[in-house]
Amino acid sequence: MKVRPKKHLGQHFLTDCNIASRIVDSLTYQGYSSVLEIGPGMGVLTQFLLQKKCTVFVAEIDSESVEYLQVNYPLLNDRIIGDFLKLNFQDIFKEEFAVIGNFPYNISSQIVFKILENRHQIPEMTGMFQKEVAERIVAKKGSKIYGILSVLTQAYYQAEYLFTVHEKVFVPPPKVKSAVIRLQRYREDLEGIDDRLFVKIVKAGFNQRRKTLRNALKTLGIPVSLESYEFLSFRAEQLSVQDFIEITRLWKENQTDIYINKKP
């Protein structure tokens, strides 16, 4: 039995076992005993994961893939679970777990945001992304591709670009190159920081990235006491992750006094 790649699911099956093994080996397997693979398809990564000293779960929504995995990887038993984006991890995992996968490109950014929301349970991730998305995740300040995904991810995880993957090693071949990156959590929370305010400031800054923060953040109601701070004269892409954290800290400390021209 073979599984037909389905365009509406963004499926591009990896066929190179050397690359698959390299992806699986890039996880450290330290501090957790379970690994969740997203979109296993026909199990090119799964076969190598099952050789590791960890409990393997797979998140798959394609019924053909589920049937294939049940027949060819009986070691998975009842650990084939549903849609990654809809899972309540606390119902499945009692301890921390890692995430790995050749991610469907049409939901890859959503996967990262889901990981960020559940970072207290996920210390590590290795994944295959469209090269452009991978580069955005690891981008640093000053880059044109540095943005919301870069800052929010790097606030909690060390993001490392591992290697580029040619389109010819997939069936069907995507129209773009791919890349594998690794995220390793170095903190679970921003001490003394309002996470929701942090996200609002980052998103507002980059949603109008050509404007200075003074103009981009005006709709949030900038505290008057921050008016003299130099950061307001910079654009979002000129500020580091730590800069955004410090801005959020200052904002929270002075939020009782806002500009009167805040928009409703």
C-alpha atoms as a PDB file:
ATOM      1  CA  MET A   1       0.000   0.000   0.000  1.00  0.00           C
ATOM      2  CA  LYS A   2       1.210   3.489  -0.887  1.00  0.00           C
ATOM      3  CA  VAL A   3      -0.112   6.813   0.276  1.00  0.00           C
ATOM      4  CA  ARG A   4      -0.970   9.396  -2.343  1.00  0.00           C
ATOM      5  CA  PRO A   5       0.326  12.882  -1.431  1.00  0.00           C
ATOM      6  CA  LYS A   6      -2.620  15.249  -1.185  1.00  0.00           C
ATOM      7  CA  LYS A   7      -2.251  18.832  -2.307  1.00  0.00           C
ATOM      8  CA  HIS A   8      -4.960  20.178   0.000  1.00  0.00           C
ATOM      9  CA  LEU A   9      -3.011  18.838   2.980  1.00  0.00           C
ATOM     10  CA  GLY A  10       0.256  20.362   1.756  1.00  0.00           C
ATOM     11  CA  GLN A  11       1.886  16.925   1.613  1.00  0.00           C
ATOM     12  CA  HIS A  12       5.350  16.520   0.100  1.00  0.00           C
ATOM     13  CA  PHE A  13       6.789  13.189   1.181  1.00  0.00           C
ATOM     14  CA  LEU A  14      10.511  13.085   1.918  1.00  0.00           C
ATOM     15  CA  THR A  15      12.174  10.167   0.104  1.00  0.00           C
ATOM     16  CA  ASP A  16      15.820  10.525   1.155  1.00  0.00           C
ATOM     17  CA  CYS A  17      16.499   8.284   4.162  1.00  0.00           C
ATOM     18  CA  ASN A  18      19.874   9.903   4.842  1.00  0.00           C
ATOM     19  CA  ILE A  19      18.200  13.270   5.311  1.00  0.00           C
ATOM     20  CA  ALA A  20      15.449  11.680   7.409  1.00  0.00           C
ATOM     21  CA  SER A  21      18.037  10.072   9.691  1.00  0.00           C
ATOM     22  CA  ARG A  22      19.892  13.371   9.967  1.00  0.00           C
ATOM     23  CA  ILE A  23      16.704  15.170  11.038  1.00  0.00           C
ATOM     24  CA  VAL A  24      15.925  12.554  13.687  1.00  0.00           C
ATOM     25  CA  ASP A  25      19.504  12.651  14.995  1.00  0.00           C
ATOM     26  CA  SER A  26      19.333  16.437  15.402  1.00  0.00           C
ATOM     27  CA  LEU A  27      17.099  16.116  18.473  1.00  0.00           C
ATOM     28  CA  THR A  28      19.072  15.850  21.714  1.00  0.00           C
ATOM     29  CA  TYR A  29      16.667  13.418  23.465  1.00  0.00           C
ATOM     30  CA  GLN A  30      17.661  14.994  26.776  1.00  0.00           C
ATOM     31  CA  GLY A  31      15.200  15.805  29.534  1.00  0.00           C
ATOM     32  CA  TYR A  32      12.155  14.175  27.950  1.00  0.00           C
ATOM     33  CA  SER A  33      11.043  10.651  27.098  1.00  0.00           C
ATOM     34  CA  SER A  34       8.410  11.283  24.413  1.00  0.00           C
ATOM     35  CA  VAL A  35       8.571  12.687  20.883  1.00  0.00           C
ATOM     36  CA  LEU A  36       5.577  13.803  18.817  1.00  0.00           C
ATOM     37  CA  GLU A  37       5.999  13.654  15.040  1.00  0.00           C
ATOM     38  CA  ILE A  38       3.741  15.871  12.939  1.00  0.00           C
ATOM     39  CA  GLY A  39       2.599  14.616   9.544  1.00  0.00           C
ATOM     40  CA  PRO A  40       4.490  11.302   9.324  1.00  0.00           C
ATOM     41  CA  GLY A  41       3.043  10.341   5.930  1.00  0.00           C
ATOM     42  CA  MET A  42       4.588   6.969   5.139  1.00  0.00           C
ATOM     43  CA  GLY A  43       6.934   7.031   8.112  1.00  0.00           C
ATOM     44  CA  VAL A  44      10.268   8.080   6.628  1.00  0.00           C
ATOM     45  CA  LEU A  45      11.147   9.844   9.900  1.00  0.00           C
ATOM     46  CA  THR A  46       9.114   7.468  12.050  1.00  0.00           C
ATOM     47  CA  GLN A  47      11.276   4.457  11.212  1.00  0.00           C
ATOM     48  CA  PHE A  48      14.327   6.191  12.683  1.00  0.00           C
ATOM     49  CA  LEU A  49      12.459   7.652  15.657  1.00  0.00           C
ATOM     50  CA  LEU A  50      11.324   4.166  16.679  1.00  0.00           C
ATOM     51  CA  GLN A  51      14.989   3.170  16.967  1.00  0.00           C
ATOM     52  CA  LYS A  52      15.570   5.832  19.626  1.00  0.00           C
ATOM     53  CA  LYS A  53      15.037   5.366  23.352  1.00  0.00           C
ATOM     54  CA  CYS A  54      11.847   7.408  23.439  1.00  0.00           C
ATOM     55  CA  THR A  55       8.098   6.927  23.207  1.00  0.00           C
ATOM     56  CA  VAL A  56       6.929   7.995  19.753  1.00  0.00           C
ATOM     57  CA  PHE A  57       3.565   9.605  19.062  1.00  0.00           C
ATOM     58  CA  VAL A  58       2.457  10.760  15.607  1.00  0.00           C
ATOM     59  CA  ALA A  59      -0.128  13.404  14.691  1.00  0.00           C
ATOM     60  CA  GLU A  60      -1.772  12.583  11.375  1.00  0.00           C
ATOM     61  CA  ILE A  61      -5.111  13.574   9.817  1.00  0.00           C
ATOM     62  CA  ASP A  62      -4.787  11.746   6.471  1.00  0.00           C
ATOM     63  CA  SER A  63      -6.778   8.502   6.752  1.00  0.00           C
ATOM     64  CA  GLU A  64      -4.591   6.777   4.137  1.00  0.00           C
ATOM     65  CA  SER A  65      -1.459   7.621   6.115  1.00  0.00           C
ATOM     66  CA  VAL A  66      -3.067   6.436   9.350  1.00  0.00           C
ATOM     67  CA  GLU A  67      -3.917   3.078   7.765  1.00  0.00           C
ATOM     68  CA  TYR A  68      -0.414   2.763   6.328  1.00  0.00           C
ATOM     69  CA  LEU A  69       1.213   3.516   9.686  1.00  0.00           C
ATOM     70  CA  GLN A  70      -1.028   1.040  11.514  1.00  0.00           C
ATOM     71  CA  VAL A  71      -0.022  -1.733   9.110  1.00  0.00           C
ATOM     72  CA  ASN A  72       3.680  -0.943   8.746  1.00  0.00           C
ATOM     73  CA  TYR A  73       4.524   0.458  12.205  1.00  0.00           C
ATOM     74  CA  PRO A  74       2.557  -1.645  14.704  1.00  0.00           C
ATOM     75  CA  LEU A  75       4.936  -0.444  17.456  1.00  0.00           C
ATOM     76  CA  LEU A  76       2.984   2.809  17.435  1.00  0.00           C
ATOM     77  CA  ASN A  77      -0.008   0.925  18.852  1.00  0.00           C
ATOM     78  CA  ASP A  78      -2.572   3.529  19.925  1.00  0.00           C
ATOM     79  CA  ARG A  79      -0.171   6.458  19.706  1.00  0.00           C
ATOM     80  CA  ILE A  80      -1.462   7.726  16.352  1.00  0.00           C
ATOM     81  CA  ILE A  81      -3.331  10.844  17.404  1.00  0.00           C
ATOM     82  CA  GLY A  82      -5.289  13.540  15.573  1.00  0.00           C
ATOM     83  CA  ASP A  83      -4.838  17.064  14.305  1.00  0.00           C
ATOM     84  CA  PHE A  84      -1.800  18.667  15.953  1.00  0.00           C
ATOM     85  CA  LEU A  85      -3.379  22.110  15.894  1.00  0.00           C
ATOM     86  CA  LYS A  86      -6.432  20.882  17.817  1.00  0.00           C
ATOM     87  CA  LEU A  87      -4.702  18.698  20.407  1.00  0.00           C
ATOM     88  CA  ASN A  88      -4.854  19.412  24.123  1.00  0.00           C
ATOM     89  CA  PHE A  89      -1.362  18.264  25.040  1.00  0.00           C
ATOM     90  CA  GLN A  90      -2.071  18.066  28.754  1.00  0.00           C
ATOM     91  CA  ASP A  91      -4.580  15.295  28.035  1.00  0.00           C
ATOM     92  CA  ILE A  92      -1.914  13.244  26.241  1.00  0.00           C
ATOM     93  CA  PHE A  93       1.448  14.070  27.791  1.00  0.00           C
ATOM     94  CA  LYS A  94       1.985  14.105  31.541  1.00  0.00           C
ATOM     95  CA  GLU A  95       5.587  15.291  31.113  1.00  0.00           C
ATOM     96  CA  GLU A  96       7.603  17.309  28.618  1.00  0.00           C
ATOM     97  CA  PHE A  97       7.960  16.098  25.036  1.00  0.00           C
ATOM     98  CA  ALA A  98       9.767  17.107  21.843  1.00  0.00           C
ATOM     99  CA  VAL A  99       8.236  17.879  18.455  1.00  0.00           C
ATOM    100  CA  ILE A 100       9.632  16.789  15.097  1.00  0.00           C
ATOM    101  CA  GLY A 101       8.393  16.578  11.535  1.00  0.00           C
ATOM    102  CA  ASN A 102       8.446  17.324   7.862  1.00  0.00           C
ATOM    103  CA  PHE A 103       5.787  19.961   8.400  1.00  0.00           C
ATOM    104  CA  PRO A 104       2.995  20.653   5.898  1.00  0.00           C
ATOM    105  CA  TYR A 105       4.026  24.036   4.519  1.00  0.00           C
ATOM    106  CA  ASN A 106       0.506  25.441   4.548  1.00  0.00           C
ATOM    107  CA  ILE A 107       0.315  25.239   8.372  1.00  0.00           C
ATOM    108  CA  SER A 108       3.985  25.509   9.368  1.00  0.00           C
ATOM    109  CA  SER A 109       3.683  28.957  10.965  1.00  0.00           C
ATOM    110  CA  GLN A 110       0.588  27.791  12.879  1.00  0.00           C
ATOM    111  CA  ILE A 111       2.622  24.847  14.163  1.00  0.00           C
ATOM    112  CA  VAL A 112       5.259  27.204  15.540  1.00  0.00           C
ATOM    113  CA  PHE A 113       2.644  29.367  17.270  1.00  0.00           C
ATOM    114  CA  LYS A 114       1.056  26.241  18.784  1.00  0.00           C
ATOM    115  CA  ILE A 115       4.478  25.230  20.114  1.00  0.00           C
ATOM    116  CA  LEU A 116       4.968  28.697  21.604  1.00  0.00           C
ATOM    117  CA  GLU A 117       1.576  28.505  23.315  1.00  0.00           C
ATOM    118  CA  ASN A 118       2.613  25.169  24.832  1.00  0.00           C
ATOM    119  CA  ARG A 119       6.277  25.942  25.450  1.00  0.00           C
ATOM    120  CA  HIS A 120       6.033  24.809  29.084  1.00  0.00           C
ATOM    121  CA  GLN A 121       5.647  21.255  27.771  1.00  0.00           C
ATOM    122  CA  ILE A 122       7.889  21.455  24.687  1.00  0.00           C
ATOM    123  CA  PRO A 123      11.622  21.971  25.360  1.00  0.00           C
ATOM    124  CA  GLU A 124      12.766  21.159  21.838  1.00  0.00           C
ATOM    125  CA  MET A 125      11.654  20.989  18.220  1.00  0.00           C
ATOM    126  CA  THR A 126      13.307  19.977  14.965  1.00  0.00           C
ATOM    127  CA  GLY A 127      11.326  20.550  11.805  1.00  0.00           C
ATOM    128  CA  MET A 128      11.411  20.886   8.047  1.00  0.00           C
ATOM    129  CA  PHE A 129       9.986  24.146   6.743  1.00  0.00           C
ATOM    130  CA  GLN A 130       9.821  26.016   3.485  1.00  0.00           C
ATOM    131  CA  LYS A 131      13.255  27.652   3.356  1.00  0.00           C
ATOM    132  CA  GLU A 132      11.793  31.156   3.413  1.00  0.00           C
ATOM    133  CA  VAL A 133       9.836  30.444   6.611  1.00  0.00           C
ATOM    134  CA  ALA A 134      12.852  28.785   8.256  1.00  0.00           C
ATOM    135  CA  GLU A 135      14.949  31.862   7.501  1.00  0.00           C
ATOM    136  CA  ARG A 136      12.286  34.136   8.995  1.00  0.00           C
ATOM    137  CA  ILE A 137      12.191  32.153  12.229  1.00  0.00           C
ATOM    138  CA  VAL A 138      15.963  32.410  12.789  1.00  0.00           C
ATOM    139  CA  ALA A 139      16.396  35.967  11.407  1.00  0.00           C
ATOM    140  CA  LYS A 140      18.084  38.630  13.540  1.00  0.00           C
ATOM    141  CA  LYS A 141      17.387  42.339  13.893  1.00  0.00           C
ATOM    142  CA  GLY A 142      18.263  44.486  10.904  1.00  0.00           C
ATOM    143  CA  SER A 143      17.141  41.856   8.419  1.00  0.00           C
ATOM    144  CA  LYS A 144      14.228  42.548   6.086  1.00  0.00           C
ATOM    145  CA  ILE A 145      12.765  39.131   6.972  1.00  0.00           C
ATOM    146  CA  TYR A 146      13.062  39.667  10.743  1.00  0.00           C
ATOM    147  CA  GLY A 147       9.546  39.939  12.076  1.00  0.00           C
ATOM    148  CA  ILE A 148       6.802  38.717  14.389  1.00  0.00           C
ATOM    149  CA  LEU A 149       7.659  35.026  14.006  1.00  0.00           C
ATOM    150  CA  SER A 150      11.351  35.752  14.656  1.00  0.00           C
ATOM    151  CA  VAL A 151      10.822  37.755  17.849  1.00  0.00           C
ATOM    152  CA  LEU A 152       8.107  35.632  19.434  1.00  0.00           C
ATOM    153  CA  THR A 153      10.023  32.413  18.797  1.00  0.00           C
ATOM    154  CA  GLN A 154      13.418  33.694  19.895  1.00  0.00           C
ATOM    155  CA  ALA A 155      11.981  35.163  23.088  1.00  0.00           C
ATOM    156  CA  TYR A 156      11.770  31.606  24.416  1.00  0.00           C
ATOM    157  CA  TYR A 157      13.794  29.368  22.107  1.00  0.00           C
ATOM    158  CA  GLN A 158      17.282  29.350  20.661  1.00  0.00           C
ATOM    159  CA  ALA A 159      16.613  29.056  16.924  1.00  0.00           C
ATOM    160  CA  GLU A 160      19.242  27.355  14.776  1.00  0.00           C
ATOM    161  CA  TYR A 161      19.261  26.862  10.998  1.00  0.00           C
ATOM    162  CA  LEU A 162      20.663  23.365  10.459  1.00  0.00           C
ATOM    163  CA  PHE A 163      20.703  22.656   6.715  1.00  0.00           C
ATOM    164  CA  THR A 164      18.993  23.256   3.376  1.00  0.00           C
ATOM    165  CA  VAL A 165      17.100  20.479   1.578  1.00  0.00           C
ATOM    166  CA  HIS A 166      16.743  20.299  -2.230  1.00  0.00           C
ATOM    167  CA  GLU A 167      13.270  19.989  -3.692  1.00  0.00           C
ATOM    168  CA  LYS A 168      14.230  16.837  -5.668  1.00  0.00           C
ATOM    169  CA  VAL A 169      14.155  14.632  -2.553  1.00  0.00           C
ATOM    170  CA  PHE A 170      10.386  15.004  -2.165  1.00  0.00           C
ATOM    171  CA  VAL A 171       7.369  13.421  -3.870  1.00  0.00           C
ATOM    172  CA  PRO A 172       5.896  15.495  -5.355  1.00  0.00           C
ATOM    173  CA  PRO A 173       8.774  18.004  -5.518  1.00  0.00           C
ATOM    174  CA  PRO A 174       7.752  21.372  -4.019  1.00  0.00           C
ATOM    175  CA  LYS A 175       8.408  24.505  -6.043  1.00  0.00           C
ATOM    176  CA  VAL A 176      10.680  25.866  -3.318  1.00  0.00           C
ATOM    177  CA  LYS A 177      13.683  24.696  -1.338  1.00  0.00           C
ATOM    178  CA  SER A 178      13.233  23.495   2.212  1.00  0.00           C
ATOM    179  CA  ALA A 179      15.275  23.841   5.366  1.00  0.00           C
ATOM    180  CA  VAL A 180      15.567  22.117   8.719  1.00  0.00           C
ATOM    181  CA  ILE A 181      15.770  24.182  11.889  1.00  0.00           C
ATOM    182  CA  ARG A 182      16.005  23.351  15.576  1.00  0.00           C
ATOM    183  CA  LEU A 183      14.410  25.195  18.478  1.00  0.00           C
ATOM    184  CA  GLN A 184      15.751  24.654  21.997  1.00  0.00           C
ATOM    185  CA  ARG A 185      13.898  26.323  24.846  1.00  0.00           C
ATOM    186  CA  TYR A 186      16.048  28.431  27.147  1.00  0.00           C
ATOM    187  CA  ARG A 187      13.239  29.956  29.201  1.00  0.00           C
ATOM    188  CA  GLU A 188       9.568  29.258  29.738  1.00  0.00           C
ATOM    189  CA  ASP A 189       8.463  32.740  30.770  1.00  0.00           C
ATOM    190  CA  LEU A 190       9.613  36.330  30.526  1.00  0.00           C
ATOM    191  CA  GLU A 191      10.148  37.220  34.166  1.00  0.00           C
ATOM    192  CA  GLY A 192       7.922  40.070  35.265  1.00  0.00           C
ATOM    193  CA  ILE A 193       6.522  40.498  31.751  1.00  0.00           C
ATOM    194  CA  ASP A 194       2.896  40.451  30.639  1.00  0.00           C
ATOM    195  CA  ASP A 195       2.998  37.901  27.789  1.00  0.00           C
ATOM    196  CA  ARG A 196      -0.147  39.226  26.132  1.00  0.00           C
ATOM    197  CA  LEU A 197       1.161  42.783  26.172  1.00  0.00           C
ATOM    198  CA  PHE A 198       4.485  41.561  24.748  1.00  0.00           C
ATOM    199  CA  VAL A 199       2.692  39.896  21.826  1.00  0.00           C
ATOM    200  CA  LYS A 200       0.550  43.006  21.206  1.00  0.00           C
ATOM    201  CA  ILE A 201       3.596  45.290  21.081  1.00  0.00           C
ATOM    202  CA  VAL A 202       5.560  42.977  18.776  1.00  0.00           C
ATOM    203  CA  LYS A 203       2.628  42.521  16.396  1.00  0.00           C
ATOM    204  CA  ALA A 204       1.744  46.222  16.329  1.00  0.00           C
ATOM    205  CA  GLY A 205       5.362  47.158  15.661  1.00  0.00           C
ATOM    206  CA  PHE A 206       5.808  44.793  12.723  1.00  0.00           C
ATOM    207  CA  ASN A 207       2.334  45.209  11.250  1.00  0.00           C
ATOM    208  CA  GLN A 208       3.450  48.736  10.331  1.00  0.00           C
ATOM    209  CA  ARG A 209       7.140  47.980  10.007  1.00  0.00           C
ATOM    210  CA  ARG A 210       7.914  51.022   7.846  1.00  0.00           C
ATOM    211  CA  LYS A 211       6.813  53.329  10.620  1.00  0.00           C
ATOM    212  CA  THR A 212       8.696  54.205  13.761  1.00  0.00           C
ATOM    213  CA  LEU A 213       7.384  52.610  16.951  1.00  0.00           C
ATOM    214  CA  ARG A 214       6.007  56.002  17.983  1.00  0.00           C
ATOM    215  CA  ASN A 215       3.547  55.784  15.104  1.00  0.00           C
ATOM    216  CA  ALA A 216       3.152  52.019  14.906  1.00  0.00           C
ATOM    217  CA  LEU A 217       2.253  51.643  18.594  1.00  0.00           C
ATOM    218  CA  LYS A 218       0.034  54.697  18.865  1.00  0.00           C
ATOM    219  CA  THR A 219      -3.153  52.604  18.681  1.00  0.00           C
ATOM    220  CA  LEU A 220      -2.123  50.795  21.865  1.00  0.00           C
ATOM    221  CA  GLY A 221      -1.880  54.030  23.818  1.00  0.00           C
ATOM    222  CA  ILE A 222       1.757  54.822  24.501  1.00  0.00           C
ATOM    223  CA  PRO A 223       2.417  55.818  28.131  1.00  0.00           C
ATOM    224  CA  VAL A 224       3.330  59.510  28.250  1.00  0.00           C
ATOM    225  CA  SER A 225       6.295  58.752  30.495  1.00  0.00           C
ATOM    226  CA  LEU A 226       7.883  56.744  27.660  1.00  0.00           C
ATOM    227  CA  GLU A 227       7.704  59.601  25.172  1.00  0.00           C
ATOM    228  CA  SER A 228      11.340  60.564  25.647  1.00  0.00           C
ATOM    229  CA  TYR A 229      12.718  57.030  25.208  1.00  0.00           C
ATOM    230  CA  GLU A 230      14.928  56.580  22.167  1.00  0.00           C
ATOM    231  CA  PHE A 231      13.338  53.280  21.110  1.00  0.00           C
ATOM    232  CA  LEU A 232      10.235  55.110  19.872  1.00  0.00           C
ATOM    233  CA  SER A 233      12.287  56.621  17.055  1.00  0.00           C
ATOM    234  CA  PHE A 234      13.311  53.183  15.718  1.00  0.00           C
ATOM    235  CA  ARG A 235      11.435  50.826  13.433  1.00  0.00           C
ATOM    236  CA  ALA A 236      10.563  47.347  14.726  1.00  0.00           C
ATOM    237  CA  GLU A 237      13.178  45.585  12.587  1.00  0.00           C
ATOM    238  CA  GLN A 238      15.920  47.669  14.237  1.00  0.00           C
ATOM    239  CA  LEU A 239      15.160  46.300  17.706  1.00  0.00           C
ATOM    240  CA  SER A 240      16.386  43.030  19.209  1.00  0.00           C
ATOM    241  CA  VAL A 241      14.253  40.477  21.031  1.00  0.00           C
ATOM    242  CA  GLN A 242      15.624  41.792  24.313  1.00  0.00           C
ATOM    243  CA  ASP A 243      14.718  45.346  23.277  1.00  0.00           C
ATOM    244  CA  PHE A 244      11.084  44.293  22.850  1.00  0.00           C
ATOM    245  CA  ILE A 245      11.152  42.599  26.245  1.00  0.00           C
ATOM    246  CA  GLU A 246      12.487  45.756  27.892  1.00  0.00           C
ATOM    247  CA  ILE A 247       9.930  47.922  26.086  1.00  0.00           C
ATOM    248  CA  THR A 248       7.154  45.679  27.395  1.00  0.00           C
ATOM    249  CA  ARG A 249       8.563  45.915  30.908  1.00  0.00           C
ATOM    250  CA  LEU A 250       8.644  49.725  30.774  1.00  0.00           C
ATOM    251  CA  TRP A 251       5.189  49.846  29.220  1.00  0.00           C
ATOM    252  CA  LYS A 252       3.700  47.694  31.973  1.00  0.00           C
ATOM    253  CA  GLU A 253       5.314  49.813  34.684  1.00  0.00           C
ATOM    254  CA  ASN A 254       3.889  53.016  33.197  1.00  0.00           C
ATOM    255  CA  GLN A 255       0.645  51.882  31.592  1.00  0.00           C
ATOM    256  CA  THR A 256      -1.613  53.846  33.930  1.00  0.00           C
ATOM    257  CA  ASP A 257      -0.695  56.999  32.028  1.00  0.00           C
ATOM    258  CA  ILE A 258      -1.434  56.752  28.298  1.00  0.00           C
ATOM    259  CA  TYR A 259      -1.621  59.149  25.408  1.00  0.00           C
ATOM    260  CA  ILE A 260      -4.990  60.807  25.218  1.00  0.00           C
ATOM    261  CA  ASN A 261      -5.038  60.341  21.425  1.00  0.00           C
ATOM    262  CA  LYS A 262      -5.287  56.553  21.670  1.00  0.00           C
ATOM    263  CA  LYS A 263      -7.630  55.293  18.973  1.00  0.00           C
ATOM    264  CA  PRO A 264     -10.686  53.271  20.123  1.00  0.00           C
END
